[in-house]
PDB file of N, CA and C in Angstrom:
ATOM      1  N   MET A   1     221.638 118.774 134.583  1.00  0.00           N
ATOM      2  CA  MET A   1     221.761 119.869 135.530  1.00  0.00           C
ATOM      3  C   MET A   1     223.212 119.957 135.972  1.00  0.00           C
ATOM      4  N   GLY A   2     223.751 121.159 135.964  1.00  0.00           N
ATOM      5  CA  GLY A   2     225.136 121.367 136.362  1.00  0.00           C
ATOM      6  C   GLY A   2     225.325 121.228 137.859  1.00  0.00           C
ATOM      7  N   ASN A   3     226.563 121.048 138.246  1.00  0.00           N
ATOM      8  CA  ASN A   3     226.888 120.836 139.649  1.00  0.00           C
ATOM      9  C   ASN A   3     226.552 122.064 140.491  1.00  0.00           C
ATOM     10  N   ARG A   4     226.882 123.247 139.998  1.00  0.00           N
ATOM     11  CA  ARG A   4     226.608 124.474 140.753  1.00  0.00           C
ATOM     12  C   ARG A   4     225.109 124.704 140.902  1.00  0.00           C
ATOM     13  N   LYS A   5     224.364 124.437 139.842  1.00  0.00           N
ATOM     14  CA  LYS A   5     222.916 124.620 139.888  1.00  0.00           C
ATOM     15  C   LYS A   5     222.270 123.611 140.836  1.00  0.00           C
ATOM     16  N   ARG A   6     222.780 122.385 140.855  1.00  0.00           N
ATOM     17  CA  ARG A   6     222.255 121.359 141.748  1.00  0.00           C
ATOM     18  C   ARG A   6     222.498 121.743 143.201  1.00  0.00           C
ATOM     19  N   GLN A   7     223.701 122.239 143.490  1.00  0.00           N
ATOM     20  CA  GLN A   7     224.012 122.655 144.858  1.00  0.00           C
ATOM     21  C   GLN A   7     223.153 123.839 145.290  1.00  0.00           C
ATOM     22  N   SER A   8     222.906 124.747 144.373  1.00  0.00           N
ATOM     23  CA  SER A   8     222.050 125.888 144.675  1.00  0.00           C
ATOM     24  C   SER A   8     220.613 125.437 144.938  1.00  0.00           C
ATOM     25  N   ALA A   9     220.137 124.489 144.131  1.00  0.00           N
ATOM     26  CA  ALA A   9     218.778 123.977 144.319  1.00  0.00           C
ATOM     27  C   ALA A   9     218.650 123.242 145.644  1.00  0.00           C
ATOM     28  N   LEU A  10     219.674 122.484 146.022  1.00  0.00           N
ATOM     29  CA  LEU A  10     219.640 121.778 147.305  1.00  0.00           C
ATOM     30  C   LEU A  10     219.678 122.755 148.478  1.00  0.00           C
ATOM     31  N   ALA A  11     220.428 123.832 148.339  1.00  0.00           N
ATOM     32  CA  ALA A  11     220.481 124.842 149.404  1.00  0.00           C
ATOM     33  C   ALA A  11     219.129 125.521 149.577  1.00  0.00           C
ATOM     34  N   ILE A  12     218.460 125.816 148.472  1.00  0.00           N
ATOM     35  CA  ILE A  12     217.128 126.430 148.543  1.00  0.00           C
ATOM     36  C   ILE A  12     216.136 125.464 149.167  1.00  0.00           C
ATOM     37  N   LYS A  13     216.235 124.192 148.798  1.00  0.00           N
ATOM     38  CA  LYS A  13     215.333 123.175 149.341  1.00  0.00           C
ATOM     39  C   LYS A  13     215.532 123.017 150.847  1.00  0.00           C
ATOM     40  N   GLU A  14     216.780 123.032 151.304  1.00  0.00           N
ATOM     41  CA  GLU A  14     217.058 122.926 152.732  1.00  0.00           C
ATOM     42  C   GLU A  14     216.541 124.144 153.495  1.00  0.00           C
ATOM     43  N   SER A  15     216.660 125.319 152.898  1.00  0.00           N
ATOM     44  CA  SER A  15     216.202 126.518 153.592  1.00  0.00           C
ATOM     45  C   SER A  15     214.683 126.556 153.695  1.00  0.00           C
ATOM     46  N   LYS A  16     213.985 125.979 152.729  1.00  0.00           N
ATOM     47  CA  LYS A  16     212.527 125.957 152.782  1.00  0.00           C
ATOM     48  C   LYS A  16     211.997 124.966 153.805  1.00  0.00           C
ATOM     49  N   LYS A  17     212.837 124.026 154.255  1.00  0.00           N
ATOM     50  CA  LYS A  17     212.398 123.085 155.278  1.00  0.00           C
ATOM     51  C   LYS A  17     212.143 123.783 156.605  1.00  0.00           C
ATOM     52  N   SER A  18     212.887 124.838 156.872  1.00  0.00           N
ATOM     53  CA  SER A  18     212.716 125.535 158.141  1.00  0.00           C
ATOM     54  C   SER A  18     211.595 126.569 158.081  1.00  0.00           C
ATOM     55  N   LEU A  19     211.114 126.881 156.887  1.00  0.00           N
ATOM     56  CA  LEU A  19     210.087 127.897 156.707  1.00  0.00           C
ATOM     57  C   LEU A  19     208.715 127.241 156.605  1.00  0.00           C
ATOM     58  N   SER A  20     207.739 127.798 157.266  1.00  0.00           N
ATOM     59  CA  SER A  20     206.375 127.295 157.205  1.00  0.00           C
ATOM     60  C   SER A  20     205.466 128.424 156.743  1.00  0.00           C
ATOM     61  N   LEU A  21     204.464 128.087 155.949  1.00  0.00           N
ATOM     62  CA  LEU A  21     203.621 129.097 155.328  1.00  0.00           C
ATOM     63  C   LEU A  21     202.157 128.711 155.488  1.00  0.00           C
ATOM     64  N   ALA A  22     201.317 129.696 155.723  1.00  0.00           N
ATOM     65  CA  ALA A  22     199.871 129.498 155.770  1.00  0.00           C
ATOM     66  C   ALA A  22     199.212 130.678 155.077  1.00  0.00           C
ATOM     67  N   LYS A  23     198.108 130.408 154.390  1.00  0.00           N
ATOM     68  CA  LYS A  23     197.402 131.459 153.653  1.00  0.00           C
ATOM     69  C   LYS A  23     195.930 131.449 154.031  1.00  0.00           C
ATOM     70  N   LEU A  24     195.361 132.629 154.112  1.00  0.00           N
ATOM     71  CA  LEU A  24     193.932 132.807 154.343  1.00  0.00           C
ATOM     72  C   LEU A  24     193.388 133.584 153.161  1.00  0.00           C
ATOM     73  N   ARG A  25     192.442 133.012 152.468  1.00  0.00           N
ATOM     74  CA  ARG A  25     191.905 133.658 151.273  1.00  0.00           C
ATOM     75  C   ARG A  25     190.421 133.960 151.454  1.00  0.00           C
ATOM     76  N   ASN A  26     189.960 134.947 150.690  1.00  0.00           N
ATOM     77  CA  ASN A  26     188.552 135.345 150.663  1.00  0.00           C
ATOM     78  C   ASN A  26     188.028 135.676 152.054  1.00  0.00           C
ATOM     79  N   CYS A  27     188.771 136.457 152.770  1.00  0.00           N
ATOM     80  CA  CYS A  27     188.387 136.885 154.103  1.00  0.00           C
ATOM     81  C   CYS A  27     187.523 138.144 153.982  1.00  0.00           C
ATOM     82  N   PRO A  28     186.336 138.170 154.561  1.00  0.00           N
ATOM     83  CA  PRO A  28     185.447 139.317 154.382  1.00  0.00           C
ATOM     84  C   PRO A  28     185.833 140.561 155.188  1.00  0.00           C
ATOM     85  N   THR A  29     186.853 140.486 156.010  1.00  0.00           N
ATOM     86  CA  THR A  29     187.286 141.635 156.803  1.00  0.00           C
ATOM     87  C   THR A  29     188.105 142.586 155.942  1.00  0.00           C
ATOM     88  N   SER A  30     187.991 143.874 156.195  1.00  0.00           N
ATOM     89  CA  SER A  30     188.731 144.848 155.394  1.00  0.00           C
ATOM     90  C   SER A  30     190.230 144.756 155.706  1.00  0.00           C
ATOM     91  N   PRO A  31     191.066 144.987 154.700  1.00  0.00           N
ATOM     92  CA  PRO A  31     192.514 144.889 154.902  1.00  0.00           C
ATOM     93  C   PRO A  31     193.060 145.911 155.891  1.00  0.00           C
ATOM     94  N   ARG A  32     192.461 147.074 155.963  1.00  0.00           N
ATOM     95  CA  ARG A  32     192.938 148.095 156.896  1.00  0.00           C
ATOM     96  C   ARG A  32     192.761 147.626 158.339  1.00  0.00           C
ATOM     97  N   LYS A  33     191.624 147.024 158.637  1.00  0.00           N
ATOM     98  CA  LYS A  33     191.389 146.516 159.986  1.00  0.00           C
ATOM     99  C   LYS A  33     192.298 145.330 160.291  1.00  0.00           C
ATOM    100  N   MET A  34     192.561 144.519 159.268  1.00  0.00           N
ATOM    101  CA  MET A  34     193.416 143.353 159.446  1.00  0.00           C
ATOM    102  C   MET A  34     194.869 143.774 159.679  1.00  0.00           C
ATOM    103  N   ARG A  35     195.316 144.834 159.024  1.00  0.00           N
ATOM    104  CA  ARG A  35     196.696 145.312 159.173  1.00  0.00           C
ATOM    105  C   ARG A  35     196.971 145.842 160.581  1.00  0.00           C
ATOM    106  N   LEU A  36     195.949 146.396 161.229  1.00  0.00           N
ATOM    107  CA  LEU A  36     196.132 146.898 162.592  1.00  0.00           C
ATOM    108  C   LEU A  36     196.570 145.781 163.531  1.00  0.00           C
ATOM    109  N   VAL A  37     195.951 144.626 163.382  1.00  0.00           N
ATOM    110  CA  VAL A  37     196.296 143.493 164.233  1.00  0.00           C
ATOM    111  C   VAL A  37     197.593 142.845 163.755  1.00  0.00           C
ATOM    112  N   ALA A  38     197.781 142.770 162.439  1.00  0.00           N
ATOM    113  CA  ALA A  38     198.982 142.133 161.892  1.00  0.00           C
ATOM    114  C   ALA A  38     200.243 142.889 162.289  1.00  0.00           C
ATOM    115  N   ASP A  39     200.166 144.214 162.366  1.00  0.00           N
ATOM    116  CA  ASP A  39     201.329 145.003 162.758  1.00  0.00           C
ATOM    117  C   ASP A  39     201.719 144.755 164.215  1.00  0.00           C
ATOM    118  N   GLN A  40     200.760 144.377 165.038  1.00  0.00           N
ATOM    119  CA  GLN A  40     201.052 144.109 166.446  1.00  0.00           C
ATOM    120  C   GLN A  40     201.849 142.823 166.630  1.00  0.00           C
ATOM    121  N   ILE A  41     201.642 141.834 165.752  1.00  0.00           N
ATOM    122  CA  ILE A  41     202.282 140.533 165.957  1.00  0.00           C
ATOM    123  C   ILE A  41     203.473 140.294 165.035  1.00  0.00           C
ATOM    124  N   ARG A  42     203.728 141.161 164.097  1.00  0.00           N
ATOM    125  CA  ARG A  42     204.840 140.973 163.155  1.00  0.00           C
ATOM    126  C   ARG A  42     206.171 140.991 163.898  1.00  0.00           C
ATOM    127  N   GLY A  43     206.981 139.941 163.706  1.00  0.00           N
ATOM    128  CA  GLY A  43     208.292 139.846 164.338  1.00  0.00           C
ATOM    129  C   GLY A  43     208.280 139.291 165.747  1.00  0.00           C
ATOM    130  N   LYS A  44     207.127 138.987 166.297  1.00  0.00           N
ATOM    131  CA  LYS A  44     207.026 138.479 167.666  1.00  0.00           C
ATOM    132  C   LYS A  44     207.235 136.965 167.687  1.00  0.00           C
ATOM    133  N   SER A  45     207.507 136.446 168.871  1.00  0.00           N
ATOM    134  CA  SER A  45     207.583 135.000 169.028  1.00  0.00           C
ATOM    135  C   SER A  45     206.170 134.424 168.984  1.00  0.00           C
ATOM    136  N   ILE A  46     206.087 133.131 168.786  1.00  0.00           N
ATOM    137  CA  ILE A  46     204.788 132.478 168.634  1.00  0.00           C
ATOM    138  C   ILE A  46     203.955 132.614 169.907  1.00  0.00           C
ATOM    139  N   ASP A  47     204.582 132.430 171.064  1.00  0.00           N
ATOM    140  CA  ASP A  47     203.844 132.510 172.326  1.00  0.00           C
ATOM    141  C   ASP A  47     203.266 133.899 172.563  1.00  0.00           C
ATOM    142  N   SER A  48     204.073 134.914 172.360  1.00  0.00           N
ATOM    143  CA  SER A  48     203.573 136.267 172.600  1.00  0.00           C
ATOM    144  C   SER A  48     202.537 136.671 171.554  1.00  0.00           C
ATOM    145  N   ALA A  49     202.707 136.221 170.312  1.00  0.00           N
ATOM    146  CA  ALA A  49     201.732 136.546 169.267  1.00  0.00           C
ATOM    147  C   ALA A  49     200.387 135.885 169.553  1.00  0.00           C
ATOM    148  N   LEU A  50     200.417 134.638 170.005  1.00  0.00           N
ATOM    149  CA  LEU A  50     199.158 133.957 170.328  1.00  0.00           C
ATOM    150  C   LEU A  50     198.459 134.620 171.509  1.00  0.00           C
ATOM    151  N   SER A  51     199.216 135.067 172.501  1.00  0.00           N
ATOM    152  CA  SER A  51     198.573 135.729 173.643  1.00  0.00           C
ATOM    153  C   SER A  51     198.003 137.089 173.240  1.00  0.00           C
ATOM    154  N   ILE A  52     198.687 137.811 172.357  1.00  0.00           N
ATOM    155  CA  ILE A  52     198.157 139.090 171.870  1.00  0.00           C
ATOM    156  C   ILE A  52     196.859 138.861 171.110  1.00  0.00           C
ATOM    157  N   LEU A  53     196.849 137.858 170.247  1.00  0.00           N
ATOM    158  CA  LEU A  53     195.659 137.591 169.440  1.00  0.00           C
ATOM    159  C   LEU A  53     194.503 137.068 170.286  1.00  0.00           C
ATOM    160  N   LYS A  54     194.827 136.293 171.315  1.00  0.00           N
ATOM    161  CA  LYS A  54     193.773 135.709 172.143  1.00  0.00           C
ATOM    162  C   LYS A  54     193.017 136.773 172.937  1.00  0.00           C
ATOM    163  N   PHE A  55     193.726 137.788 173.412  1.00  0.00           N
ATOM    164  CA  PHE A  55     193.095 138.795 174.260  1.00  0.00           C
ATOM    165  C   PHE A  55     192.744 140.081 173.528  1.00  0.00           C
ATOM    166  N   SER A  56     192.894 140.090 172.229  1.00  0.00           N
ATOM    167  CA  SER A  56     192.526 141.272 171.454  1.00  0.00           C
ATOM    168  C   SER A  56     191.021 141.261 171.190  1.00  0.00           C
ATOM    169  N   PRO A  57     190.338 142.380 171.349  1.00  0.00           N
ATOM    170  CA  PRO A  57     188.887 142.396 171.142  1.00  0.00           C
ATOM    171  C   PRO A  57     188.474 142.491 169.674  1.00  0.00           C
ATOM    172  N   LYS A  58     189.417 142.655 168.776  1.00  0.00           N
ATOM    173  CA  LYS A  58     189.081 142.851 167.366  1.00  0.00           C
ATOM    174  C   LYS A  58     188.663 141.539 166.717  1.00  0.00           C
ATOM    175  N   GLN A  59     187.775 141.644 165.728  1.00  0.00           N
ATOM    176  CA  GLN A  59     187.265 140.467 165.041  1.00  0.00           C
ATOM    177  C   GLN A  59     188.354 139.802 164.197  1.00  0.00           C
ATOM    178  N   SER A  60     189.232 140.591 163.629  1.00  0.00           N
ATOM    179  CA  SER A  60     190.275 140.035 162.768  1.00  0.00           C
ATOM    180  C   SER A  60     191.318 139.252 163.561  1.00  0.00           C
ATOM    181  N   SER A  61     191.411 139.478 164.858  1.00  0.00           N
ATOM    182  CA  SER A  61     192.395 138.748 165.655  1.00  0.00           C
ATOM    183  C   SER A  61     192.061 137.263 165.735  1.00  0.00           C
ATOM    184  N   LYS A  62     190.788 136.928 165.730  1.00  0.00           N
ATOM    185  CA  LYS A  62     190.401 135.520 165.770  1.00  0.00           C
ATOM    186  C   LYS A  62     190.782 134.808 164.473  1.00  0.00           C
ATOM    187  N   LYS A  63     190.638 135.507 163.356  1.00  0.00           N
ATOM    188  CA  LYS A  63     191.017 134.922 162.068  1.00  0.00           C
ATOM    189  C   LYS A  63     192.528 134.769 161.967  1.00  0.00           C
ATOM    190  N   LEU A  64     193.265 135.749 162.455  1.00  0.00           N
ATOM    191  CA  LEU A  64     194.721 135.658 162.428  1.00  0.00           C
ATOM    192  C   LEU A  64     195.239 134.606 163.405  1.00  0.00           C
ATOM    193  N   GLU A  65     194.539 134.417 164.516  1.00  0.00           N
ATOM    194  CA  GLU A  65     194.936 133.377 165.462  1.00  0.00           C
ATOM    195  C   GLU A  65     194.790 132.000 164.828  1.00  0.00           C
ATOM    196  N   LYS A  66     193.700 131.790 164.118  1.00  0.00           N
ATOM    197  CA  LYS A  66     193.495 130.524 163.419  1.00  0.00           C
ATOM    198  C   LYS A  66     194.560 130.307 162.351  1.00  0.00           C
ATOM    199  N   LEU A  67     194.903 131.375 161.647  1.00  0.00           N
ATOM    200  CA  LEU A  67     195.923 131.301 160.609  1.00  0.00           C
ATOM    201  C   LEU A  67     197.293 130.980 161.206  1.00  0.00           C
ATOM    202  N   LEU A  68     197.607 131.571 162.340  1.00  0.00           N
ATOM    203  CA  LEU A  68     198.880 131.312 162.996  1.00  0.00           C
ATOM    204  C   LEU A  68     198.959 129.872 163.503  1.00  0.00           C
ATOM    205  N   LEU A  69     197.865 129.365 164.039  1.00  0.00           N
ATOM    206  CA  LEU A  69     197.836 127.967 164.471  1.00  0.00           C
ATOM    207  C   LEU A  69     198.011 127.022 163.289  1.00  0.00           C
ATOM    208  N   SER A  70     197.475 127.404 162.143  1.00  0.00           N
ATOM    209  CA  SER A  70     197.661 126.605 160.934  1.00  0.00           C
ATOM    210  C   SER A  70     199.122 126.607 160.494  1.00  0.00           C
ATOM    211  N   ALA A  71     199.777 127.745 160.577  1.00  0.00           N
ATOM    212  CA  ALA A  71     201.193 127.821 160.216  1.00  0.00           C
ATOM    213  C   ALA A  71     202.052 126.994 161.174  1.00  0.00           C
ATOM    214  N   ILE A  72     201.678 126.982 162.446  1.00  0.00           N
ATOM    215  CA  ILE A  72     202.412 126.177 163.426  1.00  0.00           C
ATOM    216  C   ILE A  72     202.251 124.696 163.127  1.00  0.00           C
ATOM    217  N   SER A  73     201.038 124.268 162.808  1.00  0.00           N
ATOM    218  CA  SER A  73     200.831 122.853 162.489  1.00  0.00           C
ATOM    219  C   SER A  73     201.532 122.468 161.194  1.00  0.00           C
ATOM    220  N   ASN A  74     201.617 123.394 160.232  1.00  0.00           N
ATOM    221  CA  ASN A  74     202.383 123.123 159.014  1.00  0.00           C
ATOM    222  C   ASN A  74     203.864 122.949 159.333  1.00  0.00           C
ATOM    223  N   TRP A  75     204.379 123.743 160.269  1.00  0.00           N
ATOM    224  CA  TRP A  75     205.774 123.600 160.666  1.00  0.00           C
ATOM    225  C   TRP A  75     205.998 122.261 161.355  1.00  0.00           C
ATOM    226  N   GLN A  76     205.042 121.835 162.168  1.00  0.00           N
ATOM    227  CA  GLN A  76     205.170 120.553 162.858  1.00  0.00           C
ATOM    228  C   GLN A  76     205.184 119.393 161.873  1.00  0.00           C
ATOM    229  N   LEU A  77     204.414 119.495 160.795  1.00  0.00           N
ATOM    230  CA  LEU A  77     204.418 118.433 159.794  1.00  0.00           C
ATOM    231  C   LEU A  77     205.758 118.350 159.070  1.00  0.00           C
ATOM    232  N   LYS A  78     206.392 119.487 158.831  1.00  0.00           N
ATOM    233  CA  LYS A  78     207.695 119.481 158.161  1.00  0.00           C
ATOM    234  C   LYS A  78     208.808 119.006 159.087  1.00  0.00           C
ATOM    235  N   ASN A  79     208.717 119.349 160.354  1.00  0.00           N
ATOM    236  CA  ASN A  79     209.776 119.052 161.330  1.00  0.00           C
ATOM    237  C   ASN A  79     209.205 118.183 162.434  1.00  0.00           C
ATOM    238  N   GLU A  80     209.010 116.912 162.140  1.00  0.00           N
ATOM    239  CA  GLU A  80     208.355 116.018 163.099  1.00  0.00           C
ATOM    240  C   GLU A  80     209.220 115.716 164.313  1.00  0.00           C
ATOM    241  N   ASN A  81     210.534 115.709 164.139  1.00  0.00           N
ATOM    242  CA  ASN A  81     211.399 115.313 165.243  1.00  0.00           C
ATOM    243  C   ASN A  81     211.833 116.484 166.123  1.00  0.00           C
ATOM    244  N   GLU A  82     211.396 117.695 165.827  1.00  0.00           N
ATOM    245  CA  GLU A  82     211.796 118.862 166.613  1.00  0.00           C
ATOM    246  C   GLU A  82     210.663 119.319 167.527  1.00  0.00           C
ATOM    247  N   ASP A  83     211.052 119.953 168.629  1.00  0.00           N
ATOM    248  CA  ASP A  83     210.101 120.465 169.607  1.00  0.00           C
ATOM    249  C   ASP A  83     209.875 121.959 169.360  1.00  0.00           C
ATOM    250  N   ILE A  84     208.638 122.402 169.529  1.00  0.00           N
ATOM    251  CA  ILE A  84     208.303 123.805 169.257  1.00  0.00           C
ATOM    252  C   ILE A  84     208.994 124.739 170.254  1.00  0.00           C
ATOM    253  N   GLU A  85     209.046 124.355 171.527  1.00  0.00           N
ATOM    254  CA  GLU A  85     209.653 125.224 172.528  1.00  0.00           C
ATOM    255  C   GLU A  85     211.149 125.385 172.292  1.00  0.00           C
ATOM    256  N   LYS A  86     211.810 124.316 171.847  1.00  0.00           N
ATOM    257  CA  LYS A  86     213.248 124.392 171.594  1.00  0.00           C
ATOM    258  C   LYS A  86     213.553 125.153 170.311  1.00  0.00           C
ATOM    259  N   ALA A  87     212.631 125.158 169.366  1.00  0.00           N
ATOM    260  CA  ALA A  87     212.873 125.819 168.079  1.00  0.00           C
ATOM    261  C   ALA A  87     212.774 127.336 168.183  1.00  0.00           C
ATOM    262  N   LYS A  88     212.053 127.850 169.168  1.00  0.00           N
ATOM    263  CA  LYS A  88     211.872 129.298 169.364  1.00  0.00           C
ATOM    264  C   LYS A  88     211.389 129.978 168.082  1.00  0.00           C
ATOM    265  N   LEU A  89     210.243 129.548 167.612  1.00  0.00           N
ATOM    266  CA  LEU A  89     209.686 130.071 166.365  1.00  0.00           C
ATOM    267  C   LEU A  89     209.216 131.507 166.533  1.00  0.00           C
ATOM    268  N   PHE A  90     209.257 132.248 165.445  1.00  0.00           N
ATOM    269  CA  PHE A  90     208.751 133.611 165.441  1.00  0.00           C
ATOM    270  C   PHE A  90     208.105 133.891 164.094  1.00  0.00           C
ATOM    271  N   ILE A  91     207.309 134.942 164.037  1.00  0.00           N
ATOM    272  CA  ILE A  91     206.631 135.322 162.800  1.00  0.00           C
ATOM    273  C   ILE A  91     207.614 136.148 161.987  1.00  0.00           C
ATOM    274  N   SER A  92     208.058 135.583 160.890  1.00  0.00           N
ATOM    275  CA  SER A  92     209.043 136.296 160.078  1.00  0.00           C
ATOM    276  C   SER A  92     208.375 137.269 159.129  1.00  0.00           C
ATOM    277  N   GLU A  93     207.210 136.900 158.639  1.00  0.00           N
ATOM    278  CA  GLU A  93     206.553 137.752 157.654  1.00  0.00           C
ATOM    279  C   GLU A  93     205.046 137.545 157.743  1.00  0.00           C
ATOM    280  N   ILE A  94     204.321 138.629 157.638  1.00  0.00           N
ATOM    281  CA  ILE A  94     202.868 138.551 157.526  1.00  0.00           C
ATOM    282  C   ILE A  94     202.465 139.616 156.515  1.00  0.00           C
ATOM    283  N   ILE A  95     201.810 139.177 155.462  1.00  0.00           N
ATOM    284  CA  ILE A  95     201.480 140.047 154.338  1.00  0.00           C
ATOM    285  C   ILE A  95     199.971 140.053 154.156  1.00  0.00           C
ATOM    286  N   ILE A  96     199.396 141.231 154.035  1.00  0.00           N
ATOM    287  CA  ILE A  96     197.969 141.364 153.759  1.00  0.00           C
ATOM    288  C   ILE A  96     197.835 142.022 152.398  1.00  0.00           C
ATOM    289  N   ILE A  97     197.211 141.313 151.484  1.00  0.00           N
ATOM    290  CA  ILE A  97     197.060 141.785 150.112  1.00  0.00           C
ATOM    291  C   ILE A  97     195.634 142.281 149.941  1.00  0.00           C
ATOM    292  N   HIS A  98     195.487 143.475 149.421  1.00  0.00           N
ATOM    293  CA  HIS A  98     194.174 144.098 149.305  1.00  0.00           C
ATOM    294  C   HIS A  98     193.329 143.503 148.186  1.00  0.00           C
ATOM    295  N   LYS A  99     193.941 143.106 147.095  1.00  0.00           N
ATOM    296  CA  LYS A  99     193.193 142.731 145.901  1.00  0.00           C
ATOM    297  C   LYS A  99     192.221 141.579 146.156  1.00  0.00           C
ATOM    298  N   THR A 100     192.698 140.521 146.780  1.00  0.00           N
ATOM    299  CA  THR A 100     191.834 139.367 147.012  1.00  0.00           C
ATOM    300  C   THR A 100     191.550 139.149 148.486  1.00  0.00           C
ATOM    301  N   ASN A 101     191.974 140.110 149.309  1.00  0.00           N
ATOM    302  CA  ASN A 101     191.836 139.983 150.757  1.00  0.00           C
ATOM    303  C   ASN A 101     192.465 138.694 151.260  1.00  0.00           C
ATOM    304  N   SER A 102     193.632 138.371 150.753  1.00  0.00           N
ATOM    305  CA  SER A 102     194.326 137.186 151.222  1.00  0.00           C
ATOM    306  C   SER A 102     195.468 137.601 152.134  1.00  0.00           C
ATOM    307  N   ILE A 103     195.804 136.714 153.049  1.00  0.00           N
ATOM    308  CA  ILE A 103     196.825 136.974 154.040  1.00  0.00           C
ATOM    309  C   ILE A 103     197.813 135.827 154.000  1.00  0.00           C
ATOM    310  N   LYS A 104     199.101 136.146 153.994  1.00  0.00           N
ATOM    311  CA  LYS A 104     200.133 135.123 154.027  1.00  0.00           C
ATOM    312  C   LYS A 104     200.918 135.294 155.313  1.00  0.00           C
ATOM    313  N   THR A 105     201.123 134.202 156.017  1.00  0.00           N
ATOM    314  CA  THR A 105     201.904 134.225 157.236  1.00  0.00           C
ATOM    315  C   THR A 105     202.993 133.182 157.122  1.00  0.00           C
ATOM    316  N   SER A 106     204.190 133.526 157.493  1.00  0.00           N
ATOM    317  CA  SER A 106     205.259 132.543 157.510  1.00  0.00           C
ATOM    318  C   SER A 106     205.971 132.623 158.847  1.00  0.00           C
ATOM    319  N   ILE A 107     206.338 131.459 159.350  1.00  0.00           N
ATOM    320  CA  ILE A 107     207.080 131.387 160.597  1.00  0.00           C
ATOM    321  C   ILE A 107     208.345 130.598 160.332  1.00  0.00           C
ATOM    322  N   LYS A 108     209.385 130.902 161.097  1.00  0.00           N
ATOM    323  CA  LYS A 108     210.623 130.153 160.971  1.00  0.00           C
ATOM    324  C   LYS A 108     211.417 130.302 162.249  1.00  0.00           C
ATOM    325  N   PRO A 109     212.355 129.381 162.467  1.00  0.00           N
ATOM    326  CA  PRO A 109     213.216 129.523 163.628  1.00  0.00           C
ATOM    327  C   PRO A 109     214.227 130.639 163.405  1.00  0.00           C
ATOM    328  N   PRO A 110     214.818 131.160 164.464  1.00  0.00           N
ATOM    329  CA  PRO A 110     215.787 132.238 164.285  1.00  0.00           C
ATOM    330  C   PRO A 110     217.066 131.746 163.621  1.00  0.00           C
ATOM    331  N   LEU A 111     217.925 132.675 163.255  1.00  0.00           N
ATOM    332  CA  LEU A 111     219.218 132.434 162.627  1.00  0.00           C
ATOM    333  C   LEU A 111     219.108 131.990 161.179  1.00  0.00           C
ATOM    334  N   PHE A 112     217.980 132.163 160.558  1.00  0.00           N
ATOM    335  CA  PHE A 112     217.837 131.898 159.137  1.00  0.00           C
ATOM    336  C   PHE A 112     217.431 133.206 158.481  1.00  0.00           C
ATOM    337  N   SER A 113     218.012 133.488 157.335  1.00  0.00           N
ATOM    338  CA  SER A 113     217.691 134.737 156.644  1.00  0.00           C
ATOM    339  C   SER A 113     217.122 134.433 155.273  1.00  0.00           C
ATOM    340  N   ASP A 114     216.048 133.674 155.247  1.00  0.00           N
ATOM    341  CA  ASP A 114     215.413 133.329 153.984  1.00  0.00           C
ATOM    342  C   ASP A 114     214.397 134.392 153.627  1.00  0.00           C
ATOM    343  N   THR A 115     214.151 134.549 152.353  1.00  0.00           N
ATOM    344  CA  THR A 115     213.109 135.463 151.917  1.00  0.00           C
ATOM    345  C   THR A 115     211.970 134.659 151.343  1.00  0.00           C
ATOM    346  N   LEU A 116     210.771 135.150 151.498  1.00  0.00           N
ATOM    347  CA  LEU A 116     209.582 134.475 151.011  1.00  0.00           C
ATOM    348  C   LEU A 116     209.212 135.048 149.663  1.00  0.00           C
ATOM    349  N   ASP A 117     208.939 134.167 148.699  1.00  0.00           N
ATOM    350  CA  ASP A 117     208.542 134.616 147.374  1.00  0.00           C
ATOM    351  C   ASP A 117     207.094 135.063 147.451  1.00  0.00           C
ATOM    352  N   THR A 118     206.849 136.352 147.274  1.00  0.00           N
ATOM    353  CA  THR A 118     205.502 136.890 147.413  1.00  0.00           C
ATOM    354  C   THR A 118     204.741 136.884 146.105  1.00  0.00           C
ATOM    355  N   ASN A 119     205.343 136.374 145.030  1.00  0.00           N
ATOM    356  CA  ASN A 119     204.657 136.338 143.746  1.00  0.00           C
ATOM    357  C   ASN A 119     203.762 135.124 143.599  1.00  0.00           C
ATOM    358  N   SER A 120     203.854 134.155 144.501  1.00  0.00           N
ATOM    359  CA  SER A 120     203.049 132.946 144.357  1.00  0.00           C
ATOM    360  C   SER A 120     201.698 133.100 144.979  1.00  0.00           C
TER     361      SER A 120
END
């Protein structure tokens, strides 16, 4: 492996440490109903997104709340020495795919401009 390629691979690996991902598959709720709730929390901080989901009367909000809590716990496993309140996490991306009714949520701290590979 060349030096430039190794440095590029290490940079990608470091950027993925700050990114956390959670997926929900085979969800029986329709994607249109799920998108209504997902649009409300996209780009919000974790605290405000959890409060929106907790007090929303829609059925899909409970599933998205569980998914968001899973993404938070995945972030905690990657970053054991960091505090959630100090990290100021936010929802960077939430994708609802119609074909398999799967939902991808990713959270990351601010000041990072990573993109999520949606082909996986």
